Amino acid sequence: VQLQASGGGSVQAGGSLKLSCVVSGDLFRISGMGWYRQAPGKQREPVASVIRSLNEKKYVDSVKGRFIISMNNDKNTAYLQMNNLEPQDTGLYLCVAYTKSWQEDDYWGQGTLVTVSS
């Protein structure tokens, strides 16, 4: 399984960006997708996740009401629509594919950089 993230960029506060993560390989092994972010000097934190079969979505409190995670199973792509961006949203955004088996590690993409200026 391989992941390719894209869509990052530089925007002003209040702006929007849409991140994409294309998944290739044996998708049967994947139960869901998620996005993490890592700001400079900070630990990586989960931002949002979605379970494919249930379409169950979860968000970290700081992005609720502003970010929307979705999946297009036909295109094998996960998205993160980010609205009303704030400077504290700045960071490297990484997509992750969650595996169905506890014995198999999750798969990570290379990340895409988001910079929000005030």
PDB file of N, CA and C in Angstrom:
ATOM      1  N   VAL A   1       0.849  -1.174   0.000  1.00  0.00           N
ATOM      2  CA  VAL A   1       0.000   0.000   0.000  1.00  0.00           C
ATOM      3  C   VAL A   1       0.895   1.237   0.000  1.00  0.00           C
ATOM      4  N   GLN A   2       0.569   2.168  -0.890  1.00  0.00           N
ATOM      5  CA  GLN A   2       1.316   3.428  -0.950  1.00  0.00           C
ATOM      6  C   GLN A   2       0.346   4.597  -0.920  1.00  0.00           C
ATOM      7  N   LEU A   3       0.783   5.679  -0.308  1.00  0.00           N
ATOM      8  CA  LEU A   3      -0.044   6.874  -0.187  1.00  0.00           C
ATOM      9  C   LEU A   3       0.697   8.072  -0.773  1.00  0.00           C
ATOM     10  N   GLN A   4      -0.027   8.905  -1.475  1.00  0.00           N
ATOM     11  CA  GLN A   4       0.536  10.119  -2.059  1.00  0.00           C
ATOM     12  C   GLN A   4      -0.353  11.297  -1.687  1.00  0.00           C
ATOM     13  N   ALA A   5       0.185  12.165  -0.851  1.00  0.00           N
ATOM     14  CA  ALA A   5      -0.566  13.342  -0.390  1.00  0.00           C
ATOM     15  C   ALA A   5      -0.215  14.562  -1.224  1.00  0.00           C
ATOM     16  N   SER A   6      -1.183  15.444  -1.392  1.00  0.00           N
ATOM     17  CA  SER A   6      -0.961  16.682  -2.132  1.00  0.00           C
ATOM     18  C   SER A   6      -1.979  17.720  -1.693  1.00  0.00           C
ATOM     19  N   GLY A   7      -1.802  18.947  -2.155  1.00  0.00           N
ATOM     20  CA  GLY A   7      -2.776  19.983  -1.903  1.00  0.00           C
ATOM     21  C   GLY A   7      -2.361  21.042  -0.914  1.00  0.00           C
ATOM     22  N   GLY A   8      -1.220  20.873  -0.285  1.00  0.00           N
ATOM     23  CA  GLY A   8      -0.766  21.872   0.658  1.00  0.00           C
ATOM     24  C   GLY A   8      -0.370  23.162  -0.027  1.00  0.00           C
ATOM     25  N   GLY A   9      -0.139  24.185   0.761  1.00  0.00           N
ATOM     26  CA  GLY A   9       0.260  25.476   0.210  1.00  0.00           C
ATOM     27  C   GLY A   9       0.263  26.530   1.273  1.00  0.00           C
ATOM     28  N   SER A  10       0.389  27.770   0.828  1.00  0.00           N
ATOM     29  CA  SER A  10       0.412  28.913   1.733  1.00  0.00           C
ATOM     30  C   SER A  10      -0.846  29.740   1.529  1.00  0.00           C
ATOM     31  N   VAL A  11      -1.527  30.009   2.620  1.00  0.00           N
ATOM     32  CA  VAL A  11      -2.749  30.811   2.559  1.00  0.00           C
ATOM     33  C   VAL A  11      -2.766  31.784   3.722  1.00  0.00           C
ATOM     34  N   GLN A  12      -3.614  32.778   3.613  1.00  0.00           N
ATOM     35  CA  GLN A  12      -3.819  33.698   4.722  1.00  0.00           C
ATOM     36  C   GLN A  12      -4.904  33.152   5.644  1.00  0.00           C
ATOM     37  N   ALA A  13      -4.874  33.610   6.864  1.00  0.00           N
ATOM     38  CA  ALA A  13      -5.892  33.200   7.833  1.00  0.00           C
ATOM     39  C   ALA A  13      -7.280  33.484   7.262  1.00  0.00           C
ATOM     40  N   GLY A  14      -8.178  32.501   7.472  1.00  0.00           N
ATOM     41  CA  GLY A  14      -9.514  32.606   6.920  1.00  0.00           C
ATOM     42  C   GLY A  14      -9.672  31.915   5.587  1.00  0.00           C
ATOM     43  N   GLY A  15      -8.569  31.542   4.973  1.00  0.00           N
ATOM     44  CA  GLY A  15      -8.611  30.896   3.685  1.00  0.00           C
ATOM     45  C   GLY A  15      -8.898  29.407   3.788  1.00  0.00           C
ATOM     46  N   SER A  16      -8.909  28.745   2.625  1.00  0.00           N
ATOM     47  CA  SER A  16      -9.237  27.321   2.565  1.00  0.00           C
ATOM     48  C   SER A  16      -8.215  26.575   1.726  1.00  0.00           C
ATOM     49  N   LEU A  17      -8.068  25.310   2.040  1.00  0.00           N
ATOM     50  CA  LEU A  17      -7.262  24.394   1.249  1.00  0.00           C
ATOM     51  C   LEU A  17      -7.937  23.033   1.274  1.00  0.00           C
ATOM     52  N   LYS A  18      -7.711  22.248   0.233  1.00  0.00           N
ATOM     53  CA  LYS A  18      -8.227  20.887   0.196  1.00  0.00           C
ATOM     54  C   LYS A  18      -7.067  19.940  -0.062  1.00  0.00           C
ATOM     55  N   LEU A  19      -6.810  19.077   0.896  1.00  0.00           N
ATOM     56  CA  LEU A  19      -5.750  18.098   0.766  1.00  0.00           C
ATOM     57  C   LEU A  19      -6.306  16.804   0.181  1.00  0.00           C
ATOM     58  N   SER A  20      -5.477  16.124  -0.583  1.00  0.00           N
ATOM     59  CA  SER A  20      -5.854  14.840  -1.162  1.00  0.00           C
ATOM     60  C   SER A  20      -4.816  13.794  -0.820  1.00  0.00           C
ATOM     61  N   CYS A  21      -5.259  12.558  -0.688  1.00  0.00           N
ATOM     62  CA  CYS A  21      -4.347  11.448  -0.426  1.00  0.00           C
ATOM     63  C   CYS A  21      -4.806  10.260  -1.261  1.00  0.00           C
ATOM     64  N   VAL A  22      -4.035   9.947  -2.289  1.00  0.00           N
ATOM     65  CA  VAL A  22      -4.368   8.831  -3.170  1.00  0.00           C
ATOM     66  C   VAL A  22      -3.731   7.560  -2.624  1.00  0.00           C
ATOM     67  N   VAL A  23      -4.529   6.522  -2.511  1.00  0.00           N
ATOM     68  CA  VAL A  23      -4.067   5.250  -1.970  1.00  0.00           C
ATOM     69  C   VAL A  23      -3.983   4.226  -3.096  1.00  0.00           C
ATOM     70  N   SER A  24      -2.883   3.524  -3.178  1.00  0.00           N
ATOM     71  CA  SER A  24      -2.729   2.472  -4.175  1.00  0.00           C
ATOM     72  C   SER A  24      -2.284   1.183  -3.491  1.00  0.00           C
ATOM     73  N   GLY A  25      -2.555   0.063  -4.138  1.00  0.00           N
ATOM     74  CA  GLY A  25      -2.173  -1.217  -3.568  1.00  0.00           C
ATOM     75  C   GLY A  25      -3.385  -2.032  -3.154  1.00  0.00           C
ATOM     76  N   ASP A  26      -3.202  -2.912  -2.199  1.00  0.00           N
ATOM     77  CA  ASP A  26      -4.253  -3.804  -1.739  1.00  0.00           C
ATOM     78  C   ASP A  26      -5.162  -3.076  -0.748  1.00  0.00           C
ATOM     79  N   LEU A  27      -6.199  -2.448  -1.275  1.00  0.00           N
ATOM     80  CA  LEU A  27      -7.078  -1.638  -0.437  1.00  0.00           C
ATOM     81  C   LEU A  27      -7.951  -2.486   0.479  1.00  0.00           C
ATOM     82  N   PHE A  28      -8.039  -3.774   0.205  1.00  0.00           N
ATOM     83  CA  PHE A  28      -8.840  -4.651   1.066  1.00  0.00           C
ATOM     84  C   PHE A  28      -8.292  -4.661   2.489  1.00  0.00           C
ATOM     85  N   ARG A  29      -7.005  -4.363   2.619  1.00  0.00           N
ATOM     86  CA  ARG A  29      -6.364  -4.383   3.936  1.00  0.00           C
ATOM     87  C   ARG A  29      -6.612  -3.109   4.728  1.00  0.00           C
ATOM     88  N   ILE A  30      -7.266  -2.141   4.117  1.00  0.00           N
ATOM     89  CA  ILE A  30      -7.422  -0.829   4.732  1.00  0.00           C
ATOM     90  C   ILE A  30      -8.820  -0.671   5.315  1.00  0.00           C
ATOM     91  N   SER A  31      -8.899  -0.267   6.574  1.00  0.00           N
ATOM     92  CA  SER A  31     -10.191  -0.056   7.219  1.00  0.00           C
ATOM     93  C   SER A  31     -10.610   1.405   7.202  1.00  0.00           C
ATOM     94  N   GLY A  32      -9.668   2.301   7.088  1.00  0.00           N
ATOM     95  CA  GLY A  32     -10.006   3.714   7.102  1.00  0.00           C
ATOM     96  C   GLY A  32      -8.800   4.569   6.813  1.00  0.00           C
ATOM     97  N   MET A  33      -9.030   5.862   6.797  1.00  0.00           N
ATOM     98  CA  MET A  33      -7.971   6.828   6.506  1.00  0.00           C
ATOM     99  C   MET A  33      -7.969   7.928   7.551  1.00  0.00           C
ATOM    100  N   GLY A  34      -6.844   8.566   7.680  1.00  0.00           N
ATOM    101  CA  GLY A  34      -6.774   9.680   8.626  1.00  0.00           C
ATOM    102  C   GLY A  34      -5.742  10.692   8.200  1.00  0.00           C
ATOM    103  N   TRP A  35      -5.822  11.846   8.849  1.00  0.00           N
ATOM    104  CA  TRP A  35      -4.840  12.897   8.652  1.00  0.00           C
ATOM    105  C   TRP A  35      -4.239  13.274  10.001  1.00  0.00           C
ATOM    106  N   TYR A  36      -2.941  13.431  10.025  1.00  0.00           N
ATOM    107  CA  TYR A  36      -2.203  13.928  11.174  1.00  0.00           C
ATOM    108  C   TYR A  36      -1.488  15.203  10.744  1.00  0.00           C
ATOM    109  N   ARG A  37      -1.056  15.956  11.715  1.00  0.00           N
ATOM    110  CA  ARG A  37      -0.229  17.118  11.394  1.00  0.00           C
ATOM    111  C   ARG A  37       0.860  17.269  12.437  1.00  0.00           C
ATOM    112  N   GLN A  38       1.945  17.853  11.982  1.00  0.00           N
ATOM    113  CA  GLN A  38       3.071  18.111  12.876  1.00  0.00           C
ATOM    114  C   GLN A  38       3.572  19.522  12.653  1.00  0.00           C
ATOM    115  N   ALA A  39       3.411  20.337  13.669  1.00  0.00           N
ATOM    116  CA  ALA A  39       3.892  21.705  13.608  1.00  0.00           C
ATOM    117  C   ALA A  39       5.348  21.748  14.057  1.00  0.00           C
ATOM    118  N   PRO A  40       6.091  22.758  13.637  1.00  0.00           N
ATOM    119  CA  PRO A  40       7.502  22.857  14.040  1.00  0.00           C
ATOM    120  C   PRO A  40       7.650  22.844  15.554  1.00  0.00           C
ATOM    121  N   GLY A  41       8.486  21.963  16.053  1.00  0.00           N
ATOM    122  CA  GLY A  41       8.761  21.899  17.482  1.00  0.00           C
ATOM    123  C   GLY A  41       7.675  21.237  18.309  1.00  0.00           C
ATOM    124  N   LYS A  42       6.666  20.672  17.636  1.00  0.00           N
ATOM    125  CA  LYS A  42       5.568  20.044  18.366  1.00  0.00           C
ATOM    126  C   LYS A  42       5.430  18.580  17.969  1.00  0.00           C
ATOM    127  N   GLN A  43       4.719  17.855  18.785  1.00  0.00           N
ATOM    128  CA  GLN A  43       4.482  16.451  18.486  1.00  0.00           C
ATOM    129  C   GLN A  43       3.416  16.296  17.403  1.00  0.00           C
ATOM    130  N   ARG A  44       3.494  15.205  16.703  1.00  0.00           N
ATOM    131  CA  ARG A  44       2.481  14.881  15.705  1.00  0.00           C
ATOM    132  C   ARG A  44       1.144  14.655  16.413  1.00  0.00           C
ATOM    133  N   GLU A  45       0.078  15.210  15.829  1.00  0.00           N
ATOM    134  CA  GLU A  45      -1.236  15.045  16.438  1.00  0.00           C
ATOM    135  C   GLU A  45      -2.246  14.598  15.391  1.00  0.00           C
ATOM    136  N   PRO A  46      -3.208  13.786  15.806  1.00  0.00           N
ATOM    137  CA  PRO A  46      -4.266  13.385  14.880  1.00  0.00           C
ATOM    138  C   PRO A  46      -5.200  14.555  14.621  1.00  0.00           C
ATOM    139  N   VAL A  47      -5.647  14.672  13.386  1.00  0.00           N
ATOM    140  CA  VAL A  47      -6.548  15.759  13.009  1.00  0.00           C
ATOM    141  C   VAL A  47      -7.939  15.231  12.711  1.00  0.00           C
ATOM    142  N   ALA A  48      -8.015  14.191  11.884  1.00  0.00           N
ATOM    143  CA  ALA A  48      -9.317  13.655  11.484  1.00  0.00           C
ATOM    144  C   ALA A  48      -9.139  12.238  10.992  1.00  0.00           C
ATOM    145  N   SER A  49     -10.229  11.467  11.076  1.00  0.00           N
ATOM    146  CA  SER A  49     -10.181  10.093  10.577  1.00  0.00           C
ATOM    147  C   SER A  49     -11.558   9.690  10.082  1.00  0.00           C
ATOM    148  N   VAL A  50     -11.570   8.696   9.193  1.00  0.00           N
ATOM    149  CA  VAL A  50     -12.830   8.174   8.683  1.00  0.00           C
ATOM    150  C   VAL A  50     -12.694   6.666   8.508  1.00  0.00           C
ATOM    151  N   ILE A  51     -13.725   5.947   8.943  1.00  0.00           N
ATOM    152  CA  ILE A  51     -13.772   4.503   8.777  1.00  0.00           C
ATOM    153  C   ILE A  51     -14.576   4.212   7.521  1.00  0.00           C
ATOM    154  N   ARG A  52     -14.010   3.473   6.609  1.00  0.00           N
ATOM    155  CA  ARG A  52     -14.615   3.281   5.292  1.00  0.00           C
ATOM    156  C   ARG A  52     -16.001   2.655   5.376  1.00  0.00           C
ATOM    157  N   SER A  53     -16.140   1.558   6.065  1.00  0.00           N
ATOM    158  CA  SER A  53     -17.390   0.807   6.034  1.00  0.00           C
ATOM    159  C   SER A  53     -18.525   1.536   6.740  1.00  0.00           C
ATOM    160  N   LEU A  54     -18.190   2.313   7.751  1.00  0.00           N
ATOM    161  CA  LEU A  54     -19.214   2.992   8.551  1.00  0.00           C
ATOM    162  C   LEU A  54     -19.371   4.458   8.179  1.00  0.00           C
ATOM    163  N   ASN A  55     -18.421   4.970   7.413  1.00  0.00           N
ATOM    164  CA  ASN A  55     -18.364   6.415   7.153  1.00  0.00           C
ATOM    165  C   ASN A  55     -18.377   7.195   8.468  1.00  0.00           C
ATOM    166  N   GLU A  56     -17.759   6.611   9.469  1.00  0.00           N
ATOM    167  CA  GLU A  56     -17.676   7.253  10.787  1.00  0.00           C
ATOM    168  C   GLU A  56     -16.487   8.199  10.787  1.00  0.00           C
ATOM    169  N   LYS A  57     -16.732   9.440  11.187  1.00  0.00           N
ATOM    170  CA  LYS A  57     -15.698  10.467  11.126  1.00  0.00           C
ATOM    171  C   LYS A  57     -15.414  11.019  12.512  1.00  0.00           C
ATOM    172  N   LYS A  58     -14.171  11.307  12.755  1.00  0.00           N
ATOM    173  CA  LYS A  58     -13.750  11.900  14.015  1.00  0.00           C
ATOM    174  C   LYS A  58     -12.809  13.055  13.748  1.00  0.00           C
ATOM    175  N   TYR A  59     -12.865  14.055  14.634  1.00  0.00           N
ATOM    176  CA  TYR A  59     -12.039  15.254  14.489  1.00  0.00           C
ATOM    177  C   TYR A  59     -11.460  15.654  15.834  1.00  0.00           C
ATOM    178  N   VAL A  60     -10.274  16.209  15.789  1.00  0.00           N
ATOM    179  CA  VAL A  60      -9.739  16.829  16.994  1.00  0.00           C
ATOM    180  C   VAL A  60     -10.555  18.093  17.263  1.00  0.00           C
ATOM    181  N   ASP A  61     -10.734  18.443  18.514  1.00  0.00           N
ATOM    182  CA  ASP A  61     -11.625  19.545  18.869  1.00  0.00           C
ATOM    183  C   ASP A  61     -11.268  20.846  18.157  1.00  0.00           C
ATOM    184  N   SER A  62     -10.001  21.097  17.953  1.00  0.00           N
ATOM    185  CA  SER A  62      -9.567  22.383  17.408  1.00  0.00           C
ATOM    186  C   SER A  62      -9.977  22.595  15.946  1.00  0.00           C
ATOM    187  N   VAL A  63     -10.391  21.549  15.247  1.00  0.00           N
ATOM    188  CA  VAL A  63     -10.767  21.701  13.842  1.00  0.00           C
ATOM    189  C   VAL A  63     -12.245  21.414  13.596  1.00  0.00           C
ATOM    190  N   LYS A  64     -12.972  21.025  14.629  1.00  0.00           N
ATOM    191  CA  LYS A  64     -14.395  20.734  14.463  1.00  0.00           C
ATOM    192  C   LYS A  64     -15.129  21.969  13.946  1.00  0.00           C
ATOM    193  N   GLY A  65     -15.974  21.730  12.934  1.00  0.00           N
ATOM    194  CA  GLY A  65     -16.709  22.832  12.337  1.00  0.00           C
ATOM    195  C   GLY A  65     -15.952  23.560  11.248  1.00  0.00           C
ATOM    196  N   ARG A  66     -14.650  23.262  11.096  1.00  0.00           N
ATOM    197  CA  ARG A  66     -13.851  23.922  10.056  1.00  0.00           C
ATOM    198  C   ARG A  66     -13.307  22.936   9.027  1.00  0.00           C
ATOM    199  N   PHE A  67     -12.970  21.741   9.460  1.00  0.00           N
ATOM    200  CA  PHE A  67     -12.390  20.730   8.566  1.00  0.00           C
ATOM    201  C   PHE A  67     -13.405  19.633   8.297  1.00  0.00           C
ATOM    202  N   ILE A  68     -13.337  19.056   7.108  1.00  0.00           N
ATOM    203  CA  ILE A  68     -14.194  17.938   6.741  1.00  0.00           C
ATOM    204  C   ILE A  68     -13.336  16.860   6.072  1.00  0.00           C
ATOM    205  N   ILE A  69     -13.396  15.656   6.625  1.00  0.00           N
ATOM    206  CA  ILE A  69     -12.692  14.539   6.019  1.00  0.00           C
ATOM    207  C   ILE A  69     -13.694  13.721   5.211  1.00  0.00           C
ATOM    208  N   SER A  70     -13.239  13.209   4.076  1.00  0.00           N
ATOM    209  CA  SER A  70     -14.112  12.397   3.241  1.00  0.00           C
ATOM    210  C   SER A  70     -13.280  11.397   2.462  1.00  0.00           C
ATOM    211  N   MET A  71     -13.967  10.407   1.905  1.00  0.00           N
ATOM    212  CA  MET A  71     -13.299   9.413   1.068  1.00  0.00           C
ATOM    213  C   MET A  71     -14.111   9.171  -0.183  1.00  0.00           C
ATOM    214  N   ASN A  72     -13.432   9.050  -1.287  1.00  0.00           N
ATOM    215  CA  ASN A  72     -14.050   8.635  -2.533  1.00  0.00           C
ATOM    216  C   ASN A  72     -13.484   7.257  -2.841  1.00  0.00           C
ATOM    217  N   ASN A  73     -14.262   6.235  -2.546  1.00  0.00           N
ATOM    218  CA  ASN A  73     -13.745   4.878  -2.701  1.00  0.00           C
ATOM    219  C   ASN A  73     -13.495   4.521  -4.165  1.00  0.00           C
ATOM    220  N   ASP A  74     -14.265   5.128  -5.070  1.00  0.00           N
ATOM    221  CA  ASP A  74     -14.056   4.861  -6.496  1.00  0.00           C
ATOM    222  C   ASP A  74     -12.704   5.387  -6.965  1.00  0.00           C
ATOM    223  N   LYS A  75     -12.271   6.486  -6.356  1.00  0.00           N
ATOM    224  CA  LYS A  75     -10.998   7.098  -6.745  1.00  0.00           C
ATOM    225  C   LYS A  75      -9.873   6.724  -5.791  1.00  0.00           C
ATOM    226  N   ASN A  76     -10.202   5.911  -4.778  1.00  0.00           N
ATOM    227  CA  ASN A  76      -9.197   5.507  -3.772  1.00  0.00           C
ATOM    228  C   ASN A  76      -8.494   6.729  -3.190  1.00  0.00           C
ATOM    229  N   THR A  77      -9.272   7.728  -2.883  1.00  0.00           N
ATOM    230  CA  THR A  77      -8.701   8.988  -2.426  1.00  0.00           C
ATOM    231  C   THR A  77      -9.410   9.480  -1.176  1.00  0.00           C
ATOM    232  N   ALA A  78      -8.626   9.946  -0.234  1.00  0.00           N
ATOM    233  CA  ALA A  78      -9.153  10.606   0.951  1.00  0.00           C
ATOM    234  C   ALA A  78      -8.880  12.103   0.829  1.00  0.00           C
ATOM    235  N   TYR A  79      -9.794  12.889   1.357  1.00  0.00           N
ATOM    236  CA  TYR A  79      -9.673  14.348   1.267  1.00  0.00           C
ATOM    237  C   TYR A  79      -9.764  14.965   2.661  1.00  0.00           C
ATOM    238  N   LEU A  80      -9.174  16.125   2.785  1.00  0.00           N
ATOM    239  CA  LEU A  80      -9.364  16.940   3.979  1.00  0.00           C
ATOM    240  C   LEU A  80      -9.638  18.365   3.513  1.00  0.00           C
ATOM    241  N   GLN A  81     -10.895  18.756   3.594  1.00  0.00           N
ATOM    242  CA  GLN A  81     -11.282  20.123   3.250  1.00  0.00           C
ATOM    243  C   GLN A  81     -11.066  20.981   4.487  1.00  0.00           C
ATOM    244  N   MET A  82     -10.227  21.985   4.365  1.00  0.00           N
ATOM    245  CA  MET A  82      -9.891  22.829   5.497  1.00  0.00           C
ATOM    246  C   MET A  82     -10.367  24.247   5.218  1.00  0.00           C
ATOM    247  N   ASN A  83     -11.303  24.712   6.038  1.00  0.00           N
ATOM    248  CA  ASN A  83     -11.878  26.036   5.879  1.00  0.00           C
ATOM    249  C   ASN A  83     -11.533  26.916   7.075  1.00  0.00           C
ATOM    250  N   ASN A  84     -11.634  28.198   6.863  1.00  0.00           N
ATOM    251  CA  ASN A  84     -11.377  29.157   7.934  1.00  0.00           C
ATOM    252  C   ASN A  84     -10.058  28.840   8.647  1.00  0.00           C
ATOM    253  N   LEU A  85      -9.039  28.681   7.873  1.00  0.00           N
ATOM    254  CA  LEU A  85      -7.742  28.286   8.417  1.00  0.00           C
ATOM    255  C   LEU A  85      -7.178  29.339   9.356  1.00  0.00           C
ATOM    256  N   GLU A  86      -6.475  28.850  10.372  1.00  0.00           N
ATOM    257  CA  GLU A  86      -5.866  29.705  11.379  1.00  0.00           C
ATOM    258  C   GLU A  86      -4.352  29.466  11.386  1.00  0.00           C
ATOM    259  N   PRO A  87      -3.569  30.444  11.833  1.00  0.00           N
ATOM    260  CA  PRO A  87      -2.109  30.243  11.855  1.00  0.00           C
ATOM    261  C   PRO A  87      -1.685  28.985  12.608  1.00  0.00           C
ATOM    262  N   GLN A  88      -2.411  28.617  13.635  1.00  0.00           N
ATOM    263  CA  GLN A  88      -2.055  27.415  14.400  1.00  0.00           C
ATOM    264  C   GLN A  88      -2.340  26.127  13.637  1.00  0.00           C
ATOM    265  N   ASP A  89      -2.938  26.219  12.460  1.00  0.00           N
ATOM    266  CA  ASP A  89      -3.120  25.038  11.610  1.00  0.00           C
ATOM    267  C   ASP A  89      -1.864  24.734  10.789  1.00  0.00           C
ATOM    268  N   THR A  90      -0.914  25.620  10.849  1.00  0.00           N
ATOM    269  CA  THR A  90       0.323  25.443  10.086  1.00  0.00           C
ATOM    270  C   THR A  90       1.045  24.163  10.502  1.00  0.00           C
ATOM    271  N   GLY A  91       1.530  23.423   9.512  1.00  0.00           N
ATOM    272  CA  GLY A  91       2.279  22.208   9.806  1.00  0.00           C
ATOM    273  C   GLY A  91       2.363  21.295   8.614  1.00  0.00           C
ATOM    274  N   LEU A  92       3.060  20.198   8.807  1.00  0.00           N
ATOM    275  CA  LEU A  92       3.139  19.158   7.792  1.00  0.00           C
ATOM    276  C   LEU A  92       1.981  18.197   8.024  1.00  0.00           C
ATOM    277  N   TYR A  93       1.145  18.053   7.009  1.00  0.00           N
ATOM    278  CA  TYR A  93      -0.022  17.189   7.118  1.00  0.00           C
ATOM    279  C   TYR A  93       0.288  15.850   6.461  1.00  0.00           C
ATOM    280  N   LEU A  94       0.097  14.803   7.230  1.00  0.00           N
ATOM    281  CA  LEU A  94       0.396  13.455   6.749  1.00  0.00           C
ATOM    282  C   LEU A  94      -0.879  12.625   6.713  1.00  0.00           C
ATOM    283  N   CYS A  95      -1.040  11.863   5.653  1.00  0.00           N
ATOM    284  CA  CYS A  95      -2.181  10.959   5.604  1.00  0.00           C
ATOM    285  C   CYS A  95      -1.729   9.561   6.030  1.00  0.00           C
ATOM    286  N   VAL A  96      -2.666   8.835   6.602  1.00  0.00           N
ATOM    287  CA  VAL A  96      -2.394   7.501   7.097  1.00  0.00           C
ATOM    288  C   VAL A  96      -3.520   6.573   6.679  1.00  0.00           C
ATOM    289  N   ALA A  97      -3.175   5.365   6.293  1.00  0.00           N
ATOM    290  CA  ALA A  97      -4.155   4.336   5.979  1.00  0.00           C
ATOM    291  C   ALA A  97      -4.129   3.321   7.119  1.00  0.00           C
ATOM    292  N   TYR A  98      -5.279   3.167   7.769  1.00  0.00           N
ATOM    293  CA  TYR A  98      -5.372   2.254   8.900  1.00  0.00           C
ATOM    294  C   TYR A  98      -5.619   0.834   8.386  1.00  0.00           C
ATOM    295  N   THR A  99      -4.849  -0.112   8.899  1.00  0.00           N
ATOM    296  CA  THR A  99      -5.007  -1.487   8.446  1.00  0.00           C
ATOM    297  C   THR A  99      -6.053  -2.211   9.290  1.00  0.00           C
ATOM    298  N   LYS A 100      -6.645  -3.232   8.695  1.00  0.00           N
ATOM    299  CA  LYS A 100      -7.674  -4.004   9.392  1.00  0.00           C
ATOM    300  C   LYS A 100      -7.074  -4.904  10.454  1.00  0.00           C
ATOM    301  N   SER A 101      -5.867  -5.344  10.227  1.00  0.00           N
ATOM    302  CA  SER A 101      -5.239  -6.311  11.128  1.00  0.00           C
ATOM    303  C   SER A 101      -4.354  -5.617  12.155  1.00  0.00           C
ATOM    304  N   TRP A 102      -4.517  -5.993  13.415  1.00  0.00           N
ATOM    305  CA  TRP A 102      -3.683  -5.425  14.463  1.00  0.00           C
ATOM    306  C   TRP A 102      -2.226  -5.858  14.314  1.00  0.00           C
ATOM    307  N   GLN A 103      -2.013  -6.866  13.518  1.00  0.00           N
ATOM    308  CA  GLN A 103      -0.655  -7.369  13.313  1.00  0.00           C
ATOM    309  C   GLN A 103       0.083  -6.644  12.200  1.00  0.00           C
ATOM    310  N   GLU A 104      -0.594  -5.759  11.520  1.00  0.00           N
ATOM    311  CA  GLU A 104       0.012  -5.035  10.412  1.00  0.00           C
ATOM    312  C   GLU A 104       0.082  -3.550  10.740  1.00  0.00           C
ATOM    313  N   ASP A 105       1.244  -2.962  10.519  1.00  0.00           N
ATOM    314  CA  ASP A 105       1.404  -1.531  10.781  1.00  0.00           C
ATOM    315  C   ASP A 105       0.558  -0.709   9.810  1.00  0.00           C
ATOM    316  N   ASP A 106       0.122   0.449  10.263  1.00  0.00           N
ATOM    317  CA  ASP A 106      -0.550   1.391   9.382  1.00  0.00           C
ATOM    318  C   ASP A 106       0.440   1.926   8.351  1.00  0.00           C
ATOM    319  N   TYR A 107      -0.106   2.458   7.259  1.00  0.00           N
ATOM    320  CA  TYR A 107       0.715   3.000   6.185  1.00  0.00           C
ATOM    321  C   TYR A 107       0.647   4.525   6.195  1.00  0.00           C
ATOM    322  N   TRP A 108       1.783   5.155   5.977  1.00  0.00           N
ATOM    323  CA  TRP A 108       1.882   6.609   6.027  1.00  0.00           C
ATOM    324  C   TRP A 108       2.352   7.177   4.687  1.00  0.00           C
ATOM    325  N   GLY A 109       1.775   8.346   4.355  1.00  0.00           N
ATOM    326  CA  GLY A 109       2.249   9.083   3.200  1.00  0.00           C
ATOM    327  C   GLY A 109       3.371  10.023   3.598  1.00  0.00           C
ATOM    328  N   GLN A 110       3.888  10.756   2.626  1.00  0.00           N
ATOM    329  CA  GLN A 110       5.064  11.596   2.859  1.00  0.00           C
ATOM    330  C   GLN A 110       4.720  12.971   3.409  1.00  0.00           C
ATOM    331  N   GLY A 111       3.470  13.375   3.347  1.00  0.00           N
ATOM    332  CA  GLY A 111       3.069  14.655   3.913  1.00  0.00           C
ATOM    333  C   GLY A 111       3.035  15.783   2.908  1.00  0.00           C
ATOM    334  N   THR A 112       2.225  16.767   3.224  1.00  0.00           N
ATOM    335  CA  THR A 112       2.137  17.973   2.424  1.00  0.00           C
ATOM    336  C   THR A 112       2.088  19.167   3.375  1.00  0.00           C
ATOM    337  N   LEU A 113       2.821  20.222   3.052  1.00  0.00           N
ATOM    338  CA  LEU A 113       3.016  21.339   3.972  1.00  0.00           C
ATOM    339  C   LEU A 113       1.920  22.391   3.818  1.00  0.00           C
ATOM    340  N   VAL A 114       1.371  22.777   4.952  1.00  0.00           N
ATOM    341  CA  VAL A 114       0.357  23.833   5.004  1.00  0.00           C
ATOM    342  C   VAL A 114       0.898  24.982   5.844  1.00  0.00           C
ATOM    343  N   THR A 115       0.876  26.179   5.281  1.00  0.00           N
ATOM    344  CA  THR A 115       1.339  27.363   5.989  1.00  0.00           C
ATOM    345  C   THR A 115       0.236  28.403   5.976  1.00  0.00           C
ATOM    346  N   VAL A 116      -0.167  28.831   7.157  1.00  0.00           N
ATOM    347  CA  VAL A 116      -1.228  29.831   7.283  1.00  0.00           C
ATOM    348  C   VAL A 116      -0.642  31.072   7.937  1.00  0.00           C
ATOM    349  N   SER A 117      -0.727  32.177   7.251  1.00  0.00           N
ATOM    350  CA  SER A 117      -0.176  33.429   7.767  1.00  0.00           C
ATOM    351  C   SER A 117      -1.302  34.316   8.297  1.00  0.00           C
ATOM    352  N   SER A 118      -0.959  35.109   9.277  1.00  0.00           N
ATOM    353  CA  SER A 118      -1.970  35.991   9.898  1.00  0.00           C
ATOM    354  C   SER A 118      -2.076  37.313   9.186  1.00  0.00           C
TER     355      SER A 118
END
